[in-house]
C-alpha cells in the first residue's frame, strides 16, 4: 500500500497509542478555561425532504452542545433600498406544521423555524442564535451595491437589526431577541469590494454597539470566510477580523464536483503526493495564512463538513485517490442500497440521500455505505482524511468520520483556535453522531 494510506484498523491503533502515551495531553492544557466555540448551521430549506427539524436536535442531545445556532439564510436586497429580507416566510415563521421543540404549542403569531428557535433558547439559556445573511453569490444578492456607499451600508445594517435583532419580523409579528447577532456570508467579494467589505462590518458593529447601550445586551457579529487563497484575497482579513467576535472559516470544499480528478475535500494537512500541492489546499495552510494575515487564533473557528464529495469512473489505483474520473458520483438511496430513482429536487423519489445533488452525500448516507459489500474505508495518515472506494463501481468518496474529526479538534486545541462549526446539522445521522464527536473533542 502507498506509504500515506493506512487501513481503518491500523489508523485506529495509531490513535489509541497516541492517547495512551499521553501525547494529546498538551492540547488539553492549551484549551481556554471558558471552552471553545461550537457552532452549527441549520438550513431553512432542508426541513421538508430531510425530515429534520430543530426539535430533532433537542431530542438527540445535539442542541445542548452548541454555543451558536447559525440559521441559513436571510437575504439581502439591492438598492435603491438595501434591506434584509426573509427568504422563506412560510418556513421561517408561518408554518404551524414545524414540530414543537418543547412539546408545547407555539406562541402565535411566531410559528415555524423561528418559533422553534425561541423554544430552543428557552431550554438552553447559554445558546445564542445568529442569522446568516446572504450566501455565496456576492453582488447578485445585493452585497456589492449595498456596501458601496456609506448610506447603503447604514441603511442595510439598520434594516437587518430592526428585523432580526429588534424582532420586527413582519407586520403584526414581533419577536425581540429572537436572534443574538449576525453571520455575514458575503463569501466571495470582488477586488473592488475589499475596503467596502470591512466598512460594512464597521457599520454593523457600530450599530450593534449603540443598541447594546440601550438594551445592556451583547450582540454577536461574525463573518464567513473561504478557504482557498484565491477566494479570500479580496478580504482585508486583519481589519475585518477586528470588527467581529469570530470568523467561520471554511475547512472544506478543497475538492469537489467541479474537479475531474479525485482529491480530498477537507484535508487537515497536505502532502507531496498531492498533484495540487502548490495550491495550498489544506486546513493547516489555511490556518497559517489567516494567522499570518493578522486574524487572532481565538477568533478562528474551523469549518467541518458533515457531507462527502464523490466521483465515479475512478480506476482502481491508489484506492481511487488522485485519479481521473468520468463523472461525479450519482445520488444514492440514503440506506446505501442503490441509486436514487428520481433525484429531481422538485419531486424526488422517497428514501434518497437528502442532498439530492450528484457529487455529494450526507454523512448519514456515507455511514450506511461503509459496511456495504465492495466498499473499503481508508485513512490518509499524512493528510488526516477518510476515503471510501468501491473498485467494482469505480466510486470514490472523500469525507470526515469520527477519527478524522478527532484529529481536527486536537489540532484546534493544540493551536489555541477559537473552536469549530459544522455545515450542516441535518446532514449528520439521526443521532448526531459526528456532531457529538466534535463537541467532545473541543472540550
Protein backbone atom coordinates (compact mmCIF):
# COMPACT_ATOMS: atom_id res chain seq x y z
CA UNK A 1 0.00 0.00 0.00
CA UNK A 2 1.19 3.61 -0.51
CA UNK A 3 3.05 4.95 2.48
CA UNK A 4 0.47 7.69 3.12
CA UNK A 5 -2.56 5.40 3.31
CA UNK A 6 -3.44 3.22 6.28
CA UNK A 7 -6.42 0.88 6.54
CA UNK A 8 -9.01 1.64 9.18
CA UNK A 9 -7.73 -0.86 11.75
CA UNK A 10 -4.13 0.42 11.56
CA UNK A 11 -5.13 4.02 11.96
CA UNK A 12 -7.38 3.23 14.91
CA UNK A 13 -4.42 1.50 16.63
CA UNK A 14 -2.20 4.51 15.98
CA UNK A 15 -4.77 6.86 17.50
CA UNK A 16 -5.06 4.60 20.55
CA UNK A 17 -1.28 4.64 21.04
CA UNK A 18 -1.23 8.43 20.91
CA UNK A 19 -3.92 8.66 23.55
CA UNK A 20 -2.38 6.04 25.83
CA UNK A 21 1.05 7.63 25.71
CA UNK A 22 -0.39 10.99 26.69
CA UNK A 23 0.80 12.79 23.58
CA UNK A 24 -2.52 14.58 23.34
CA UNK A 25 -2.35 15.98 26.90
CA UNK A 26 -0.57 19.24 25.95
CA UNK A 27 -3.54 20.05 23.74
CA UNK A 28 -5.87 19.80 26.74
CA UNK A 29 -3.69 22.17 28.70
CA UNK A 30 -3.92 24.76 25.96
CA UNK A 31 -7.73 24.92 25.98
CA UNK A 32 -9.16 28.23 27.12
CA UNK A 33 -10.74 27.99 30.55
CA UNK A 34 -14.15 29.09 29.25
CA UNK A 35 -14.16 26.49 26.48
CA UNK A 36 -14.29 26.53 22.72
CA UNK A 37 -16.91 27.90 20.37
CA UNK A 38 -19.01 25.23 18.72
CA UNK A 39 -21.48 26.47 16.12
CA UNK A 40 -23.74 24.70 13.67
CA UNK A 41 -25.54 25.88 10.57
CA UNK A 42 -29.20 24.97 10.16
CA UNK A 43 -30.61 25.11 6.63
CA UNK A 44 -34.06 26.69 6.36
CA UNK A 45 -34.81 24.99 3.05
CA UNK A 46 -33.90 21.44 4.03
CA UNK A 47 -36.60 20.71 6.60
CA UNK A 48 -39.02 19.18 4.10
CA UNK A 49 -37.32 16.32 2.26
CA UNK A 50 -34.78 15.60 5.00
CA UNK A 51 -37.48 15.48 7.67
CA UNK A 52 -35.03 17.05 10.12
CA UNK A 53 -36.26 19.90 12.29
CA UNK A 54 -34.86 21.76 15.27
CA UNK A 55 -36.95 19.52 17.52
CA UNK A 56 -34.82 16.57 16.36
CA UNK A 57 -31.63 18.22 17.60
CA UNK A 58 -33.20 18.71 21.00
CA UNK A 59 -34.25 15.04 21.11
CA UNK A 60 -30.85 13.65 20.09
CA UNK A 61 -28.94 15.90 22.52
CA UNK A 62 -27.03 17.96 19.96
CA UNK A 63 -28.68 21.30 20.76
CA UNK A 64 -27.31 21.34 24.29
CA UNK A 65 -23.75 21.01 23.00
CA UNK A 66 -23.81 24.11 20.79
CA UNK A 67 -22.61 27.62 21.53
CA UNK A 68 -24.25 29.16 18.47
CA UNK A 69 -27.01 28.04 16.16
CA UNK A 70 -26.47 29.76 12.79
CA UNK A 71 -29.65 30.00 10.74
CA UNK A 72 -29.12 29.98 6.95
CA UNK A 73 -30.09 32.31 5.36
CA UNK A 74 -31.56 35.77 5.43
CA UNK A 75 -31.48 37.55 2.09
CA UNK A 76 -30.01 40.95 1.22
CA UNK A 77 -31.88 43.10 -1.30
CA UNK A 78 -30.20 45.55 -3.64
CA UNK A 79 -30.58 49.35 -3.63
CA UNK A 80 -32.30 51.76 -4.02
CA UNK A 81 -33.46 50.45 -0.63
CA UNK A 82 -30.95 47.86 0.62
CA UNK A 83 -32.61 45.75 3.25
CA UNK A 84 -32.74 42.40 4.95
CA UNK A 85 -35.41 40.09 3.58
CA UNK A 86 -36.72 36.81 4.96
CA UNK A 87 -36.00 34.16 2.34
CA UNK A 88 -39.00 31.89 3.00
CA UNK A 89 -41.64 33.44 5.29
CA UNK A 90 -43.67 30.22 5.41
CA UNK A 91 -40.94 28.05 6.87
CA UNK A 92 -39.37 30.90 8.80
CA UNK A 93 -42.32 31.94 10.95
CA UNK A 94 -45.69 30.93 9.46
CA UNK A 95 -45.62 27.13 9.22
CA UNK A 96 -47.67 25.50 12.03
CA UNK A 97 -46.50 22.04 10.92
CA UNK A 98 -42.92 22.56 12.11
CA UNK A 99 -42.66 20.31 15.19
CA UNK A 100 -42.51 21.94 18.61
CA UNK A 101 -39.14 21.71 20.34
CA UNK A 102 -40.51 21.80 23.88
CA UNK A 103 -43.71 19.87 23.22
CA UNK A 104 -45.75 22.96 23.98
CA UNK A 105 -47.73 24.86 21.35
CA UNK A 106 -46.03 27.76 19.64
CA UNK A 107 -46.91 31.26 20.81
CA UNK A 108 -48.64 32.58 17.68
CA UNK A 109 -48.09 34.56 15.56
CA UNK A 110 -44.50 33.24 15.60
CA UNK A 111 -44.57 29.69 14.26
CA UNK A 112 -42.23 27.69 12.02
CA UNK A 113 -38.48 27.57 12.50
CA UNK A 114 -38.37 30.92 14.31
CA UNK A 115 -40.85 29.63 16.87
CA UNK A 116 -38.66 26.55 17.28
CA UNK A 117 -35.60 28.76 17.85
CA UNK A 118 -37.45 30.62 20.61
CA UNK A 119 -38.30 27.35 22.34
CA UNK A 120 -34.78 26.02 21.92
CA UNK A 121 -33.27 29.10 23.54
CA UNK A 122 -35.64 28.83 26.49
CA UNK A 123 -34.46 25.27 27.05
CA UNK A 124 -30.78 26.25 26.64
CA UNK A 125 -30.14 29.75 28.02
CA UNK A 126 -26.47 29.56 27.00
CA UNK A 127 -27.35 29.01 23.34
CA UNK A 128 -27.20 32.04 21.05
CA UNK A 129 -28.88 32.21 17.65
CA UNK A 130 -27.31 34.04 14.72
CA UNK A 131 -28.91 34.78 11.38
CA UNK A 132 -26.55 34.20 8.48
CA UNK A 133 -27.08 36.79 5.78
CA UNK A 134 -26.50 36.32 2.08
CA UNK A 135 -24.92 33.09 0.95
CA UNK A 136 -22.17 32.81 -1.63
CA UNK A 137 -23.35 34.92 -4.55
CA UNK A 138 -21.88 38.34 -3.79
CA UNK A 139 -23.15 41.18 -5.96
CA UNK A 140 -26.22 39.31 -7.20
CA UNK A 141 -27.69 39.17 -3.71
CA UNK A 142 -27.15 42.85 -3.03
CA UNK A 143 -23.89 42.93 -1.11
CA UNK A 144 -21.76 44.81 -3.59
CA UNK A 145 -24.33 47.51 -4.29
CA UNK A 146 -25.42 47.95 -0.67
CA UNK A 147 -21.86 48.14 0.67
CA UNK A 148 -20.61 50.57 -1.97
CA UNK A 149 -21.79 53.73 -0.17
CA UNK A 150 -21.92 54.88 3.44
CA UNK A 151 -25.66 55.46 3.10
CA UNK A 152 -26.23 51.97 1.71
CA UNK A 153 -24.23 50.34 4.49
CA UNK A 154 -26.09 52.28 7.18
CA UNK A 155 -29.47 51.53 5.64
CA UNK A 156 -28.76 47.82 5.30
CA UNK A 157 -27.42 47.41 8.85
CA UNK A 158 -30.37 49.31 10.27
CA UNK A 159 -32.83 47.16 8.35
CA UNK A 160 -31.22 43.89 9.43
CA UNK A 161 -31.04 44.93 13.08
CA UNK A 162 -34.65 46.08 13.05
CA UNK A 163 -35.88 42.82 11.56
CA UNK A 164 -33.74 40.18 13.23
CA UNK A 165 -32.45 41.71 16.50
CA UNK A 166 -35.29 44.04 17.46
CA UNK A 167 -37.61 41.39 16.12
CA UNK A 168 -39.88 43.29 13.75
CA UNK A 169 -40.29 40.22 11.61
CA UNK A 170 -43.41 41.33 9.73
CA UNK A 171 -46.48 43.49 10.36
CA UNK A 172 -48.10 42.08 13.48
CA UNK A 173 -45.22 39.62 14.08
CA UNK A 174 -42.72 40.70 16.72
CA UNK A 175 -40.02 38.55 18.28
CA UNK A 176 -37.48 40.75 20.10
CA UNK A 177 -34.33 38.86 21.00
CA UNK A 178 -35.02 36.02 18.55
CA UNK A 179 -31.52 36.41 17.12
CA UNK A 180 -28.46 37.49 19.08
CA UNK A 181 -26.40 38.68 16.14
CA UNK A 182 -25.28 38.11 12.59
CA UNK A 183 -23.08 35.88 10.50
CA UNK A 184 -22.24 37.91 7.38
CA UNK A 185 -21.94 35.47 4.50
CA UNK A 186 -20.61 37.67 1.73
CA UNK A 187 -18.23 34.88 0.94
CA UNK A 188 -16.65 35.94 -2.33
CA UNK A 189 -16.31 39.75 -2.57
CA UNK A 190 -14.71 41.07 -5.75
CA UNK A 191 -11.48 43.03 -5.99
CA UNK A 192 -13.39 46.32 -5.90
CA UNK A 193 -15.20 45.26 -2.72
CA UNK A 194 -12.19 44.85 -0.43
CA UNK A 195 -12.48 48.11 1.52
CA UNK A 196 -16.27 48.12 1.38
CA UNK A 197 -16.35 44.65 2.95
CA UNK A 198 -14.56 45.97 6.02
CA UNK A 199 -16.61 49.19 6.02
CA UNK A 200 -19.82 47.14 6.08
CA UNK A 201 -18.63 45.23 9.13
CA UNK A 202 -17.65 48.51 10.80
CA UNK A 203 -21.20 49.80 10.25
CA UNK A 204 -22.86 46.66 11.60
CA UNK A 205 -20.54 46.69 14.62
CA UNK A 206 -21.23 50.36 15.35
CA UNK A 207 -24.99 49.98 15.17
CA UNK A 208 -24.97 46.84 17.31
CA UNK A 209 -22.83 48.63 19.90
CA UNK A 210 -25.27 51.53 20.00
CA UNK A 211 -28.12 49.12 20.56
CA UNK A 212 -26.17 47.45 23.38
CA UNK A 213 -26.03 50.77 25.22
CA UNK A 214 -29.82 50.82 25.20
CA UNK A 215 -30.54 47.19 26.00
CA UNK A 216 -27.49 46.19 28.04
CA UNK A 217 -27.11 43.09 25.89
CA UNK A 218 -24.06 41.97 23.93
CA UNK A 219 -24.67 41.28 20.26
CA UNK A 220 -22.52 38.95 18.21
CA UNK A 221 -21.04 39.76 14.82
CA UNK A 222 -19.18 37.21 12.72
CA UNK A 223 -18.46 36.61 9.06
CA UNK A 224 -17.94 33.58 6.90
CA UNK A 225 -14.66 33.40 5.02
CA UNK A 226 -13.45 30.95 2.34
CA UNK A 227 -10.54 28.52 2.46
CA UNK A 228 -8.81 28.76 -0.92
CA UNK A 229 -6.20 31.55 -1.24
CA UNK A 230 -7.73 32.98 -4.40
CA UNK A 231 -11.08 33.29 -2.64
CA UNK A 232 -10.04 35.34 0.41
CA UNK A 233 -7.62 37.63 -1.43
CA UNK A 234 -10.34 40.30 -1.62
CA UNK A 235 -10.85 40.48 2.14
CA UNK A 236 -8.63 42.58 4.40
CA UNK A 237 -8.51 39.80 6.94
CA UNK A 238 -6.85 41.72 9.78
CA UNK A 239 -9.11 44.75 9.51
CA UNK A 240 -12.25 42.66 9.05
CA UNK A 241 -11.40 40.35 11.95
CA UNK A 242 -11.01 43.35 14.25
CA UNK A 243 -14.72 44.12 13.84
CA UNK A 244 -16.12 40.70 14.70
CA UNK A 245 -16.32 38.29 17.61
CA UNK A 246 -15.19 35.35 15.47
CA UNK A 247 -14.91 34.11 11.89
CA UNK A 248 -16.46 30.99 10.43
CA UNK A 249 -13.67 29.87 8.10
CA UNK A 250 -14.41 27.11 5.63
CA UNK A 251 -12.44 23.94 6.16
CA UNK A 252 -13.99 22.07 3.28
CA UNK A 253 -14.60 22.12 -0.48
CA UNK A 254 -10.89 21.96 -1.21
CA UNK A 255 -12.09 19.44 -3.81
CA UNK A 256 -15.49 18.72 -5.25
CA UNK A 257 -17.79 18.23 -8.20
CA UNK A 258 -16.04 21.00 -10.13
CA UNK A 259 -12.88 18.84 -10.31
CA UNK A 260 -12.25 15.99 -12.72
CA UNK A 261 -9.55 14.37 -10.60
CA UNK A 262 -10.34 12.86 -7.23
CA UNK A 263 -8.88 14.54 -4.17
CA UNK A 264 -9.62 15.10 -0.51
CA UNK A 265 -12.27 17.67 0.22
CA UNK A 266 -11.33 18.57 3.81
CA UNK A 267 -7.72 17.52 4.47
CA UNK A 268 -6.05 18.71 7.63
CA UNK A 269 -2.60 18.67 6.01
CA UNK A 270 -1.13 18.46 2.52
CA UNK A 271 1.49 16.09 1.17
CA UNK A 272 3.99 15.96 -1.67
CA UNK A 273 1.97 13.17 -3.32
CA UNK A 274 -0.93 15.54 -3.94
CA UNK A 275 -0.87 16.69 -7.60
CA UNK A 276 -2.38 20.01 -6.45
CA UNK A 277 0.22 20.53 -3.70
CA UNK A 278 1.10 24.03 -4.92
CA UNK A 279 -2.49 25.23 -4.50
CA UNK A 280 -2.25 25.21 -0.67
CA UNK A 281 -5.47 23.25 -0.36
CA UNK A 282 -5.42 22.12 3.26
CA UNK A 283 -6.79 23.32 6.57
CA UNK A 284 -3.33 23.73 8.11
CA UNK A 285 -2.23 26.00 5.26
CA UNK A 286 -5.46 28.00 5.58
CA UNK A 287 -4.92 28.43 9.32
CA UNK A 288 -1.32 29.51 8.75
CA UNK A 289 -2.36 32.06 6.12
CA UNK A 290 -5.14 33.57 8.25
CA UNK A 291 -2.98 33.87 11.36
CA UNK A 292 -0.15 35.36 9.33
CA UNK A 293 -2.61 37.89 7.91
CA UNK A 294 -3.46 39.07 11.41
CA UNK A 295 -6.54 37.07 12.37
CA UNK A 296 -6.28 36.23 16.09
CA UNK A 297 -6.23 32.49 16.75
CA UNK A 298 -9.04 32.88 19.29
CA UNK A 299 -11.32 34.23 16.54
CA UNK A 300 -10.63 31.38 14.13
CA UNK A 301 -13.40 28.77 14.09
CA UNK A 302 -12.74 25.85 11.77
CA UNK A 303 -15.45 24.68 9.37
CA UNK A 304 -16.06 20.93 9.43
CA UNK A 305 -18.25 19.17 6.84
CA UNK A 306 -20.99 16.68 7.60
CA UNK A 307 -21.07 15.60 3.98
CA UNK A 308 -18.91 13.77 1.44
CA UNK A 309 -17.85 14.56 -2.11
CA UNK A 310 -17.58 11.78 -4.67
CA UNK A 311 -16.69 10.69 -8.19
CA UNK A 312 -17.33 7.64 -10.34
CA UNK A 313 -15.45 6.02 -13.20
CA UNK A 314 -12.36 6.05 -10.97
CA UNK A 315 -9.64 3.45 -11.74
CA UNK A 316 -8.50 1.01 -9.08
CA UNK A 317 -5.20 2.75 -8.43
CA UNK A 318 -4.08 4.19 -5.07
CA UNK A 319 -7.54 3.33 -3.65
CA UNK A 320 -9.07 5.84 -6.03
CA UNK A 321 -7.19 8.85 -4.69
CA UNK A 322 -5.67 11.38 -7.17
CA UNK A 323 -7.22 9.57 -10.14
CA UNK A 324 -9.14 10.91 -13.12
CA UNK A 325 -12.87 10.24 -13.03
CA UNK A 326 -15.51 10.04 -15.74
CA UNK A 327 -18.13 11.96 -13.73
CA UNK A 328 -19.26 12.91 -10.26
CA UNK A 329 -20.94 10.25 -8.16
CA UNK A 330 -24.70 9.71 -8.60
CA UNK A 331 -27.34 10.38 -5.96
CA UNK A 332 -27.88 7.25 -3.86
CA UNK A 333 -30.66 5.92 -1.70
CA UNK A 334 -29.99 7.02 1.86
CA UNK A 335 -29.60 3.43 3.08
CA UNK A 336 -26.82 2.91 0.52
CA UNK A 337 -28.64 0.08 -1.22
CA UNK A 338 -28.68 1.60 -4.70
CA UNK A 339 -29.29 4.62 -6.89
CA UNK A 340 -31.96 7.21 -6.23
CA UNK A 341 -34.55 6.61 -8.99
CA UNK A 342 -35.50 10.28 -9.28
CA UNK A 343 -33.24 12.85 -7.59
CA UNK A 344 -35.18 15.81 -9.03
CA UNK A 345 -35.47 18.27 -6.14
CA UNK A 346 -38.89 19.34 -7.36
CA UNK A 347 -40.41 15.88 -6.94
CA UNK A 348 -37.77 13.41 -5.69
CA UNK A 349 -38.26 9.74 -5.06
CA UNK A 350 -38.68 8.82 -1.41
CA UNK A 351 -35.70 7.47 0.50
CA UNK A 352 -32.92 9.25 -1.39
CA UNK A 353 -29.88 10.96 0.07
CA UNK A 354 -31.34 14.22 1.29
CA UNK A 355 -28.83 16.46 -0.51
CA UNK A 356 -30.28 15.21 -3.83
CA UNK A 357 -27.15 16.50 -5.55
CA UNK A 358 -24.75 14.48 -7.75
CA UNK A 359 -21.22 14.53 -6.38
CA UNK A 360 -22.33 14.91 -2.76
CA UNK A 361 -23.64 12.64 0.00
CA UNK A 362 -24.66 13.30 3.57
CA UNK A 363 -22.63 11.71 6.34
CA UNK A 364 -25.81 9.79 7.25
CA UNK A 365 -25.67 8.02 3.87
CA UNK A 366 -21.89 7.57 3.89
CA UNK A 367 -22.20 5.88 7.27
CA UNK A 368 -24.55 3.35 5.68
CA UNK A 369 -22.11 2.73 2.80
CA UNK A 370 -19.11 1.95 5.00
CA UNK A 371 -20.27 -1.56 5.77
CA UNK A 372 -21.68 -2.27 2.31
CA UNK A 373 -20.07 -5.01 0.22
CA UNK A 374 -17.43 -3.71 -2.16
CA UNK A 375 -16.50 -0.55 -0.25
CA UNK A 376 -13.19 -0.18 1.57
CA UNK A 377 -12.55 2.52 4.14
CA UNK A 378 -9.07 4.04 4.17
CA UNK A 379 -7.30 6.83 6.02
CA UNK A 380 -4.69 9.11 4.58
CA UNK A 381 -2.36 9.20 7.55
CA UNK A 382 -0.43 12.24 6.33
CA UNK A 383 -3.43 14.38 5.42
CA UNK A 384 -5.81 13.23 8.15
CA UNK A 385 -8.77 12.42 5.95
CA UNK A 386 -11.06 9.46 5.33
CA UNK A 387 -11.83 7.96 1.93
CA UNK A 388 -14.18 5.25 0.72
CA UNK A 389 -13.63 3.33 -2.52
CA UNK A 390 -15.51 0.66 -4.43
CA UNK A 391 -13.35 -0.84 -7.22
CA UNK A 392 -16.35 -2.68 -8.70
CA UNK A 393 -18.29 0.50 -9.43
CA UNK A 394 -15.21 2.74 -9.55
CA UNK A 395 -16.78 5.07 -6.98
CA UNK A 396 -14.65 7.18 -4.64
CA UNK A 397 -15.73 9.41 -1.73
CA UNK A 398 -13.77 11.84 0.44
CA UNK A 399 -15.30 12.66 3.81
CA UNK A 400 -14.78 13.04 7.55
CA UNK A 401 -15.56 10.40 10.13
CA UNK A 402 -15.00 10.22 13.91
CA UNK A 403 -11.27 9.58 13.60
CA UNK A 404 -10.55 12.48 11.25
CA UNK A 405 -12.78 14.79 13.32
CA UNK A 406 -10.83 13.81 16.44
CA UNK A 407 -7.61 14.82 14.65
CA UNK A 408 -9.09 18.18 13.70
CA UNK A 409 -10.37 19.01 17.17
CA UNK A 410 -6.97 18.04 18.61
CA UNK A 411 -5.43 20.49 16.11
CA UNK A 412 -7.85 23.21 17.27
CA UNK A 413 -6.83 22.68 20.88
CA UNK A 414 -3.11 22.50 20.09
CA UNK A 415 -3.12 25.72 18.08
CA UNK A 416 -5.44 27.52 20.51
CA UNK A 417 -8.03 28.24 17.85
CA UNK A 418 -11.41 29.61 18.82
CA UNK A 419 -13.37 26.50 18.02
CA UNK A 420 -15.30 24.86 15.20
CA UNK A 421 -18.57 24.81 13.33
CA UNK A 422 -20.38 22.30 11.14
CA UNK A 423 -22.18 22.55 7.85
CA UNK A 424 -24.88 21.46 8.41
CA UNK A 425 -26.84 19.86 11.22
CA UNK A 426 -29.33 17.96 9.08
CA UNK A 427 -26.56 16.14 7.18
CA UNK A 428 -25.45 14.08 10.18
CA UNK A 429 -27.12 10.81 11.12
CA UNK A 430 -30.26 10.80 13.24
CA UNK A 431 -28.26 10.52 16.46
CA UNK A 432 -25.99 13.43 15.60
CA UNK A 433 -23.04 11.06 15.96
CA UNK A 434 -20.40 13.08 14.12
CA UNK A 435 -21.53 16.36 15.67
CA UNK A 436 -21.21 14.83 19.13
CA UNK A 437 -17.67 13.61 18.36
CA UNK A 438 -16.68 17.19 17.51
CA UNK A 439 -18.30 18.56 20.66
CA UNK A 440 -16.44 16.05 22.80
CA UNK A 441 -13.16 16.80 21.02
CA UNK A 442 -13.43 20.52 21.72
CA UNK A 443 -13.62 20.01 25.48
